[in-house]
Amino acid sequence: MARPDAKGRFGHWAHGIPSEIFPVTYTGGEFSVPEACRMIMVTTAGDVAVEQTDGQDEALPALQPGDQYIFQAAKILEAGTGATGIKVLR
């Protein structure tokens, strides 16, 4: 059974509902997220390559516009990303 954190919150909302949106703009082939993001959204469908918070690279395949994907990422990588209009929520 799920247990709340110290503030009585459950699951992925334990750290609060995302309140900041950052449009992805690449510098040197990557976008470093200010602190880890909580969600990723795209405006044009495609894959999104990310560096996870543990330093491992991962490809999120075929993300669709209008959906919010719950995923913590430290960076969005330009190489391997086909989706455009990417926004990260923190």
PDB file of N, CA and C in Angstrom:
ATOM      1  N   MET A   1       0.838  -1.177   0.000  1.00  0.00           N
ATOM      2  CA  MET A   1       0.000   0.000   0.000  1.00  0.00           C
ATOM      3  C   MET A   1       0.891   1.252   0.000  1.00  0.00           C
ATOM      4  N   ALA A   2       0.492   2.238  -0.780  1.00  0.00           N
ATOM      5  CA  ALA A   2       1.259   3.481  -0.864  1.00  0.00           C
ATOM      6  C   ALA A   2       1.189   4.232   0.458  1.00  0.00           C
ATOM      7  N   ARG A   3       2.306   4.837   0.803  1.00  0.00           N
ATOM      8  CA  ARG A   3       2.371   5.631   2.031  1.00  0.00           C
ATOM      9  C   ARG A   3       2.710   7.072   1.670  1.00  0.00           C
ATOM     10  N   PRO A   4       2.130   8.003   2.375  1.00  0.00           N
ATOM     11  CA  PRO A   4       2.448   9.406   2.100  1.00  0.00           C
ATOM     12  C   PRO A   4       3.833   9.782   2.605  1.00  0.00           C
ATOM     13  N   ASP A   5       4.367  10.866   2.032  1.00  0.00           N
ATOM     14  CA  ASP A   5       5.636  11.377   2.547  1.00  0.00           C
ATOM     15  C   ASP A   5       5.370  12.148   3.846  1.00  0.00           C
ATOM     16  N   ALA A   6       6.365  12.837   4.357  1.00  0.00           N
ATOM     17  CA  ALA A   6       6.246  13.550   5.631  1.00  0.00           C
ATOM     18  C   ALA A   6       5.186  14.652   5.611  1.00  0.00           C
ATOM     19  N   LYS A   7       4.855  15.136   4.403  1.00  0.00           N
ATOM     20  CA  LYS A   7       3.852  16.194   4.294  1.00  0.00           C
ATOM     21  C   LYS A   7       2.480  15.654   3.901  1.00  0.00           C
ATOM     22  N   GLY A   8       2.335  14.323   3.893  1.00  0.00           N
ATOM     23  CA  GLY A   8       1.040  13.720   3.599  1.00  0.00           C
ATOM     24  C   GLY A   8       0.733  13.571   2.125  1.00  0.00           C
ATOM     25  N   ARG A   9       1.734  13.713   1.239  1.00  0.00           N
ATOM     26  CA  ARG A   9       1.521  13.613  -0.203  1.00  0.00           C
ATOM     27  C   ARG A   9       1.911  12.226  -0.684  1.00  0.00           C
ATOM     28  N   PHE A  10       1.279  11.787  -1.773  1.00  0.00           N
ATOM     29  CA  PHE A  10       1.511  10.457  -2.319  1.00  0.00           C
ATOM     30  C   PHE A  10       2.217  10.519  -3.668  1.00  0.00           C
ATOM     31  N   GLY A  11       2.926   9.438  -3.990  1.00  0.00           N
ATOM     32  CA  GLY A  11       3.453   9.176  -5.323  1.00  0.00           C
ATOM     33  C   GLY A  11       4.262  10.296  -5.938  1.00  0.00           C
ATOM     34  N   HIS A  12       4.142  10.416  -7.289  1.00  0.00           N
ATOM     35  CA  HIS A  12       4.948  11.379  -8.015  1.00  0.00           C
ATOM     36  C   HIS A  12       4.577  12.819  -7.692  1.00  0.00           C
ATOM     37  N   TRP A  13       3.468  13.047  -7.010  1.00  0.00           N
ATOM     38  CA  TRP A  13       3.107  14.404  -6.602  1.00  0.00           C
ATOM     39  C   TRP A  13       3.693  14.731  -5.235  1.00  0.00           C
ATOM     40  N   ALA A  14       4.466  13.810  -4.675  1.00  0.00           N
ATOM     41  CA  ALA A  14       5.030  14.029  -3.347  1.00  0.00           C
ATOM     42  C   ALA A  14       5.886  15.290  -3.286  1.00  0.00           C
ATOM     43  N   HIS A  15       6.423  15.712  -4.400  1.00  0.00           N
ATOM     44  CA  HIS A  15       7.255  16.912  -4.417  1.00  0.00           C
ATOM     45  C   HIS A  15       6.492  18.100  -4.974  1.00  0.00           C
ATOM     46  N   GLY A  16       5.185  17.983  -5.094  1.00  0.00           N
ATOM     47  CA  GLY A  16       4.348  19.086  -5.553  1.00  0.00           C
ATOM     48  C   GLY A  16       4.001  18.999  -7.026  1.00  0.00           C
ATOM     49  N   ILE A  17       2.963  19.673  -7.390  1.00  0.00           N
ATOM     50  CA  ILE A  17       2.530  19.734  -8.785  1.00  0.00           C
ATOM     51  C   ILE A  17       3.487  20.648  -9.535  1.00  0.00           C
ATOM     52  N   PRO A  18       3.879  20.269 -10.763  1.00  0.00           N
ATOM     53  CA  PRO A  18       4.791  21.131 -11.524  1.00  0.00           C
ATOM     54  C   PRO A  18       4.251  22.551 -11.635  1.00  0.00           C
ATOM     55  N   SER A  19       5.117  23.518 -11.432  1.00  0.00           N
ATOM     56  CA  SER A  19       4.676  24.914 -11.440  1.00  0.00           C
ATOM     57  C   SER A  19       5.492  25.802 -12.369  1.00  0.00           C
ATOM     58  N   GLU A  20       6.545  25.260 -12.977  1.00  0.00           N
ATOM     59  CA  GLU A  20       7.362  26.042 -13.900  1.00  0.00           C
ATOM     60  C   GLU A  20       7.491  25.294 -15.220  1.00  0.00           C
ATOM     61  N   ILE A  21       7.448  26.033 -16.327  1.00  0.00           N
ATOM     62  CA  ILE A  21       7.591  25.448 -17.661  1.00  0.00           C
ATOM     63  C   ILE A  21       8.809  26.082 -18.320  1.00  0.00           C
ATOM     64  N   PHE A  22       9.686  25.228 -18.846  1.00  0.00           N
ATOM     65  CA  PHE A  22      10.893  25.695 -19.521  1.00  0.00           C
ATOM     66  C   PHE A  22      10.888  25.195 -20.959  1.00  0.00           C
ATOM     67  N   PRO A  23      10.849  26.096 -21.961  1.00  0.00           N
ATOM     68  CA  PRO A  23      11.009  25.645 -23.344  1.00  0.00           C
ATOM     69  C   PRO A  23      12.452  25.194 -23.555  1.00  0.00           C
ATOM     70  N   VAL A  24      12.624  24.122 -24.285  1.00  0.00           N
ATOM     71  CA  VAL A  24      13.952  23.561 -24.512  1.00  0.00           C
ATOM     72  C   VAL A  24      14.658  24.334 -25.622  1.00  0.00           C
ATOM     73  N   THR A  25      15.817  24.897 -25.289  1.00  0.00           N
ATOM     74  CA  THR A  25      16.707  25.528 -26.265  1.00  0.00           C
ATOM     75  C   THR A  25      18.086  24.915 -26.037  1.00  0.00           C
ATOM     76  N   TYR A  26      18.672  24.405 -27.095  1.00  0.00           N
ATOM     77  CA  TYR A  26      19.929  23.667 -26.978  1.00  0.00           C
ATOM     78  C   TYR A  26      21.136  24.590 -26.964  1.00  0.00           C
ATOM     79  N   THR A  27      22.089  24.271 -26.095  1.00  0.00           N
ATOM     80  CA  THR A  27      23.389  24.915 -26.057  1.00  0.00           C
ATOM     81  C   THR A  27      24.416  23.795 -26.056  1.00  0.00           C
ATOM     82  N   GLY A  28      25.241  23.750 -27.097  1.00  0.00           N
ATOM     83  CA  GLY A  28      26.244  22.692 -27.177  1.00  0.00           C
ATOM     84  C   GLY A  28      25.627  21.305 -27.316  1.00  0.00           C
ATOM     85  N   GLY A  29      24.432  21.225 -27.928  1.00  0.00           N
ATOM     86  CA  GLY A  29      23.810  19.929 -28.181  1.00  0.00           C
ATOM     87  C   GLY A  29      22.981  19.378 -27.046  1.00  0.00           C
ATOM     88  N   GLU A  30      22.771  20.185 -25.986  1.00  0.00           N
ATOM     89  CA  GLU A  30      21.958  19.702 -24.882  1.00  0.00           C
ATOM     90  C   GLU A  30      21.253  20.864 -24.195  1.00  0.00           C
ATOM     91  N   PHE A  31      20.215  20.534 -23.463  1.00  0.00           N
ATOM     92  CA  PHE A  31      19.499  21.502 -22.642  1.00  0.00           C
ATOM     93  C   PHE A  31      19.556  20.977 -21.221  1.00  0.00           C
ATOM     94  N   SER A  32      20.228  21.710 -20.344  1.00  0.00           N
ATOM     95  CA  SER A  32      20.312  21.309 -18.939  1.00  0.00           C
ATOM     96  C   SER A  32      19.102  21.857 -18.202  1.00  0.00           C
ATOM     97  N   VAL A  33      18.372  20.971 -17.574  1.00  0.00           N
ATOM     98  CA  VAL A  33      17.169  21.348 -16.848  1.00  0.00           C
ATOM     99  C   VAL A  33      17.573  21.954 -15.507  1.00  0.00           C
ATOM    100  N   PRO A  34      17.016  23.139 -15.159  1.00  0.00           N
ATOM    101  CA  PRO A  34      17.304  23.683 -13.838  1.00  0.00           C
ATOM    102  C   PRO A  34      16.657  22.770 -12.791  1.00  0.00           C
ATOM    103  N   GLU A  35      17.454  22.030 -12.073  1.00  0.00           N
ATOM    104  CA  GLU A  35      17.009  20.937 -11.218  1.00  0.00           C
ATOM    105  C   GLU A  35      16.352  19.887 -12.126  1.00  0.00           C
ATOM    106  N   ALA A  36      16.038  18.747 -11.626  1.00  0.00           N
ATOM    107  CA  ALA A  36      15.438  17.698 -12.465  1.00  0.00           C
ATOM    108  C   ALA A  36      13.991  18.063 -12.799  1.00  0.00           C
ATOM    109  N   CYS A  37      13.610  17.817 -14.049  1.00  0.00           N
ATOM    110  CA  CYS A  37      12.230  18.089 -14.431  1.00  0.00           C
ATOM    111  C   CYS A  37      11.327  16.963 -13.919  1.00  0.00           C
ATOM    112  N   ARG A  38      10.041  17.206 -13.930  1.00  0.00           N
ATOM    113  CA  ARG A  38       9.065  16.198 -13.498  1.00  0.00           C
ATOM    114  C   ARG A  38       8.263  15.651 -14.667  1.00  0.00           C
ATOM    115  N   MET A  39       8.106  16.467 -15.712  1.00  0.00           N
ATOM    116  CA  MET A  39       7.322  16.058 -16.869  1.00  0.00           C
ATOM    117  C   MET A  39       7.948  16.628 -18.129  1.00  0.00           C
ATOM    118  N   ILE A  40       7.636  15.981 -19.246  1.00  0.00           N
ATOM    119  CA  ILE A  40       8.077  16.435 -20.559  1.00  0.00           C
ATOM    120  C   ILE A  40       6.850  16.493 -21.459  1.00  0.00           C
ATOM    121  N   MET A  41       6.760  17.555 -22.263  1.00  0.00           N
ATOM    122  CA  MET A  41       5.692  17.689 -23.258  1.00  0.00           C
ATOM    123  C   MET A  41       6.330  18.059 -24.592  1.00  0.00           C
ATOM    124  N   VAL A  42       5.671  17.687 -25.691  1.00  0.00           N
ATOM    125  CA  VAL A  42       6.145  18.048 -27.030  1.00  0.00           C
ATOM    126  C   VAL A  42       4.994  18.651 -27.823  1.00  0.00           C
ATOM    127  N   THR A  43       5.318  19.468 -28.852  1.00  0.00           N
ATOM    128  CA  THR A  43       4.266  19.984 -29.729  1.00  0.00           C
ATOM    129  C   THR A  43       4.247  19.263 -31.065  1.00  0.00           C
ATOM    130  N   THR A  44       5.345  18.592 -31.426  1.00  0.00           N
ATOM    131  CA  THR A  44       5.406  17.763 -32.621  1.00  0.00           C
ATOM    132  C   THR A  44       5.915  16.388 -32.207  1.00  0.00           C
ATOM    133  N   ALA A  45       5.214  15.342 -32.626  1.00  0.00           N
ATOM    134  CA  ALA A  45       5.542  13.972 -32.202  1.00  0.00           C
ATOM    135  C   ALA A  45       6.958  13.569 -32.590  1.00  0.00           C
ATOM    136  N   GLY A  46       7.537  12.717 -31.763  1.00  0.00           N
ATOM    137  CA  GLY A  46       8.854  12.173 -32.054  1.00  0.00           C
ATOM    138  C   GLY A  46       9.529  11.666 -30.802  1.00  0.00           C
ATOM    139  N   ASP A  47      10.733  11.128 -31.007  1.00  0.00           N
ATOM    140  CA  ASP A  47      11.529  10.634 -29.893  1.00  0.00           C
ATOM    141  C   ASP A  47      12.176  11.805 -29.155  1.00  0.00           C
ATOM    142  N   VAL A  48      12.440  11.614 -27.867  1.00  0.00           N
ATOM    143  CA  VAL A  48      13.183  12.592 -27.080  1.00  0.00           C
ATOM    144  C   VAL A  48      14.302  11.849 -26.364  1.00  0.00           C
ATOM    145  N   ALA A  49      15.538  12.273 -26.622  1.00  0.00           N
ATOM    146  CA  ALA A  49      16.699  11.680 -25.961  1.00  0.00           C
ATOM    147  C   ALA A  49      16.991  12.486 -24.699  1.00  0.00           C
ATOM    148  N   VAL A  50      17.185  11.787 -23.594  1.00  0.00           N
ATOM    149  CA  VAL A  50      17.408  12.453 -22.314  1.00  0.00           C
ATOM    150  C   VAL A  50      18.601  11.847 -21.592  1.00  0.00           C
ATOM    151  N   GLU A  51      19.152  12.616 -20.676  1.00  0.00           N
ATOM    152  CA  GLU A  51      20.084  12.078 -19.691  1.00  0.00           C
ATOM    153  C   GLU A  51      19.310  12.028 -18.385  1.00  0.00           C
ATOM    154  N   GLN A  52      19.211  10.842 -17.822  1.00  0.00           N
ATOM    155  CA  GLN A  52      18.477  10.675 -16.580  1.00  0.00           C
ATOM    156  C   GLN A  52      19.248  11.278 -15.413  1.00  0.00           C
ATOM    157  N   THR A  53      18.582  11.385 -14.284  1.00  0.00           N
ATOM    158  CA  THR A  53      19.226  11.971 -13.107  1.00  0.00           C
ATOM    159  C   THR A  53      20.383  11.119 -12.599  1.00  0.00           C
ATOM    160  N   ASP A  54      20.438   9.831 -12.996  1.00  0.00           N
ATOM    161  CA  ASP A  54      21.557   8.974 -12.592  1.00  0.00           C
ATOM    162  C   ASP A  54      22.695   8.990 -13.609  1.00  0.00           C
ATOM    163  N   GLY A  55      22.584   9.846 -14.654  1.00  0.00           N
ATOM    164  CA  GLY A  55      23.640   9.990 -15.651  1.00  0.00           C
ATOM    165  C   GLY A  55      23.514   9.090 -16.866  1.00  0.00           C
ATOM    166  N   GLN A  56      22.551   8.186 -16.881  1.00  0.00           N
ATOM    167  CA  GLN A  56      22.345   7.272 -18.009  1.00  0.00           C
ATOM    168  C   GLN A  56      21.527   7.957 -19.103  1.00  0.00           C
ATOM    169  N   ASP A  57      21.905   7.716 -20.364  1.00  0.00           N
ATOM    170  CA  ASP A  57      21.138   8.231 -21.500  1.00  0.00           C
ATOM    171  C   ASP A  57      19.998   7.279 -21.815  1.00  0.00           C
ATOM    172  N   GLU A  58      18.874   7.838 -22.225  1.00  0.00           N
ATOM    173  CA  GLU A  58      17.680   7.047 -22.539  1.00  0.00           C
ATOM    174  C   GLU A  58      16.931   7.758 -23.653  1.00  0.00           C
ATOM    175  N   ALA A  59      16.311   6.986 -24.534  1.00  0.00           N
ATOM    176  CA  ALA A  59      15.447   7.552 -25.574  1.00  0.00           C
ATOM    177  C   ALA A  59      14.001   7.268 -25.198  1.00  0.00           C
ATOM    178  N   LEU A  60      13.193   8.316 -25.164  1.00  0.00           N
ATOM    179  CA  LEU A  60      11.760   8.169 -24.925  1.00  0.00           C
ATOM    180  C   LEU A  60      11.105   8.152 -26.299  1.00  0.00           C
ATOM    181  N   PRO A  61      10.596   6.990 -26.749  1.00  0.00           N
ATOM    182  CA  PRO A  61      10.125   6.868 -28.127  1.00  0.00           C
ATOM    183  C   PRO A  61       8.713   7.409 -28.362  1.00  0.00           C
ATOM    184  N   ALA A  62       8.558   8.040 -29.508  1.00  0.00           N
ATOM    185  CA  ALA A  62       7.251   8.416 -30.063  1.00  0.00           C
ATOM    186  C   ALA A  62       6.363   9.186 -29.099  1.00  0.00           C
ATOM    187  N   LEU A  63       6.899  10.233 -28.471  1.00  0.00           N
ATOM    188  CA  LEU A  63       6.058  11.063 -27.610  1.00  0.00           C
ATOM    189  C   LEU A  63       5.050  11.819 -28.478  1.00  0.00           C
ATOM    190  N   GLN A  64       3.847  11.988 -27.964  1.00  0.00           N
ATOM    191  CA  GLN A  64       2.758  12.597 -28.723  1.00  0.00           C
ATOM    192  C   GLN A  64       2.390  13.973 -28.169  1.00  0.00           C
ATOM    193  N   PRO A  65       2.017  14.913 -29.056  1.00  0.00           N
ATOM    194  CA  PRO A  65       1.626  16.258 -28.613  1.00  0.00           C
ATOM    195  C   PRO A  65       0.414  16.194 -27.687  1.00  0.00           C
ATOM    196  N   GLY A  66       0.421  17.079 -26.705  1.00  0.00           N
ATOM    197  CA  GLY A  66      -0.720  17.184 -25.804  1.00  0.00           C
ATOM    198  C   GLY A  66      -0.662  16.265 -24.597  1.00  0.00           C
ATOM    199  N   ASP A  67       0.220  15.279 -24.621  1.00  0.00           N
ATOM    200  CA  ASP A  67       0.354  14.382 -23.476  1.00  0.00           C
ATOM    201  C   ASP A  67       1.477  14.882 -22.573  1.00  0.00           C
ATOM    202  N   GLN A  68       1.327  14.644 -21.290  1.00  0.00           N
ATOM    203  CA  GLN A  68       2.375  14.974 -20.322  1.00  0.00           C
ATOM    204  C   GLN A  68       3.007  13.669 -19.885  1.00  0.00           C
ATOM    205  N   TYR A  69       4.309  13.556 -20.088  1.00  0.00           N
ATOM    206  CA  TYR A  69       5.032  12.341 -19.752  1.00  0.00           C
ATOM    207  C   TYR A  69       5.784  12.558 -18.449  1.00  0.00           C
ATOM    208  N   ILE A  70       5.429  11.789 -17.446  1.00  0.00           N
ATOM    209  CA  ILE A  70       6.070  11.897 -16.150  1.00  0.00           C
ATOM    210  C   ILE A  70       7.414  11.191 -16.230  1.00  0.00           C
ATOM    211  N   PHE A  71       8.477  11.985 -16.125  1.00  0.00           N
ATOM    212  CA  PHE A  71       9.820  11.447 -16.253  1.00  0.00           C
ATOM    213  C   PHE A  71      10.799  12.459 -15.694  1.00  0.00           C
ATOM    214  N   GLN A  72      11.708  12.032 -14.864  1.00  0.00           N
ATOM    215  CA  GLN A  72      12.728  12.936 -14.354  1.00  0.00           C
ATOM    216  C   GLN A  72      13.953  12.865 -15.254  1.00  0.00           C
ATOM    217  N   ALA A  73      14.343  14.009 -15.759  1.00  0.00           N
ATOM    218  CA  ALA A  73      15.517  14.098 -16.621  1.00  0.00           C
ATOM    219  C   ALA A  73      16.393  15.243 -16.156  1.00  0.00           C
ATOM    220  N   ALA A  74      17.705  15.055 -16.285  1.00  0.00           N
ATOM    221  CA  ALA A  74      18.658  16.116 -15.956  1.00  0.00           C
ATOM    222  C   ALA A  74      18.958  16.964 -17.190  1.00  0.00           C
ATOM    223  N   LYS A  75      18.928  16.316 -18.384  1.00  0.00           N
ATOM    224  CA  LYS A  75      19.218  17.017 -19.639  1.00  0.00           C
ATOM    225  C   LYS A  75      18.354  16.458 -20.752  1.00  0.00           C
ATOM    226  N   ILE A  76      18.037  17.306 -21.722  1.00  0.00           N
ATOM    227  CA  ILE A  76      17.422  16.888 -22.976  1.00  0.00           C
ATOM    228  C   ILE A  76      18.542  16.971 -24.008  1.00  0.00           C
ATOM    229  N   LEU A  77      18.764  15.884 -24.732  1.00  0.00           N
ATOM    230  CA  LEU A  77      19.873  15.807 -25.687  1.00  0.00           C
ATOM    231  C   LEU A  77      19.363  16.060 -27.110  1.00  0.00           C
ATOM    232  N   GLU A  78      20.063  16.908 -27.841  1.00  0.00           N
ATOM    233  CA  GLU A  78      19.664  17.232 -29.210  1.00  0.00           C
ATOM    234  C   GLU A  78      19.833  16.028 -30.136  1.00  0.00           C
ATOM    235  N   ALA A  79      20.971  15.336 -30.019  1.00  0.00           N
ATOM    236  CA  ALA A  79      21.216  14.148 -30.844  1.00  0.00           C
ATOM    237  C   ALA A  79      20.247  13.048 -30.413  1.00  0.00           C
ATOM    238  N   GLY A  80      19.513  12.514 -31.364  1.00  0.00           N
ATOM    239  CA  GLY A  80      18.557  11.450 -31.076  1.00  0.00           C
ATOM    240  C   GLY A  80      17.159  11.946 -30.776  1.00  0.00           C
ATOM    241  N   THR A  81      16.966  13.270 -30.769  1.00  0.00           N
ATOM    242  CA  THR A  81      15.643  13.836 -30.514  1.00  0.00           C
ATOM    243  C   THR A  81      15.021  14.289 -31.825  1.00  0.00           C
ATOM    244  N   GLY A  82      13.841  13.744 -32.133  1.00  0.00           N
ATOM    245  CA  GLY A  82      13.123  14.135 -33.340  1.00  0.00           C
ATOM    246  C   GLY A  82      11.929  15.027 -33.047  1.00  0.00           C
ATOM    247  N   ALA A  83      11.433  14.957 -31.830  1.00  0.00           N
ATOM    248  CA  ALA A  83      10.291  15.808 -31.437  1.00  0.00           C
ATOM    249  C   ALA A  83      10.739  17.259 -31.385  1.00  0.00           C
ATOM    250  N   THR A  84       9.803  18.172 -31.614  1.00  0.00           N
ATOM    251  CA  THR A  84      10.115  19.597 -31.514  1.00  0.00           C
ATOM    252  C   THR A  84       9.115  20.256 -30.568  1.00  0.00           C
ATOM    253  N   GLY A  85       9.409  21.497 -30.234  1.00  0.00           N
ATOM    254  CA  GLY A  85       8.532  22.231 -29.317  1.00  0.00           C
ATOM    255  C   GLY A  85       8.499  21.575 -27.951  1.00  0.00           C
ATOM    256  N   ILE A  86       9.658  21.110 -27.488  1.00  0.00           N
ATOM    257  CA  ILE A  86       9.737  20.392 -26.219  1.00  0.00           C
ATOM    258  C   ILE A  86       9.692  21.382 -25.067  1.00  0.00           C
ATOM    259  N   LYS A  87       8.923  21.021 -24.057  1.00  0.00           N
ATOM    260  CA  LYS A  87       8.866  21.807 -22.832  1.00  0.00           C
ATOM    261  C   LYS A  87       9.051  20.859 -21.654  1.00  0.00           C
ATOM    262  N   VAL A  88       9.794  21.298 -20.664  1.00  0.00           N
ATOM    263  CA  VAL A  88       9.956  20.515 -19.446  1.00  0.00           C
ATOM    264  C   VAL A  88       9.238  21.262 -18.322  1.00  0.00           C
ATOM    265  N   LEU A  89       8.615  20.516 -17.462  1.00  0.00           N
ATOM    266  CA  LEU A  89       7.881  21.082 -16.341  1.00  0.00           C
ATOM    267  C   LEU A  89       8.594  20.703 -15.059  1.00  0.00           C
ATOM    268  N   ARG A  90       8.730  21.677 -14.195  1.00  0.00           N
ATOM    269  CA  ARG A  90       9.405  21.459 -12.924  1.00  0.00           C
ATOM    270  C   ARG A  90       8.593  22.072 -11.818  1.00  0.00           C
TER     271      ARG A  90
END
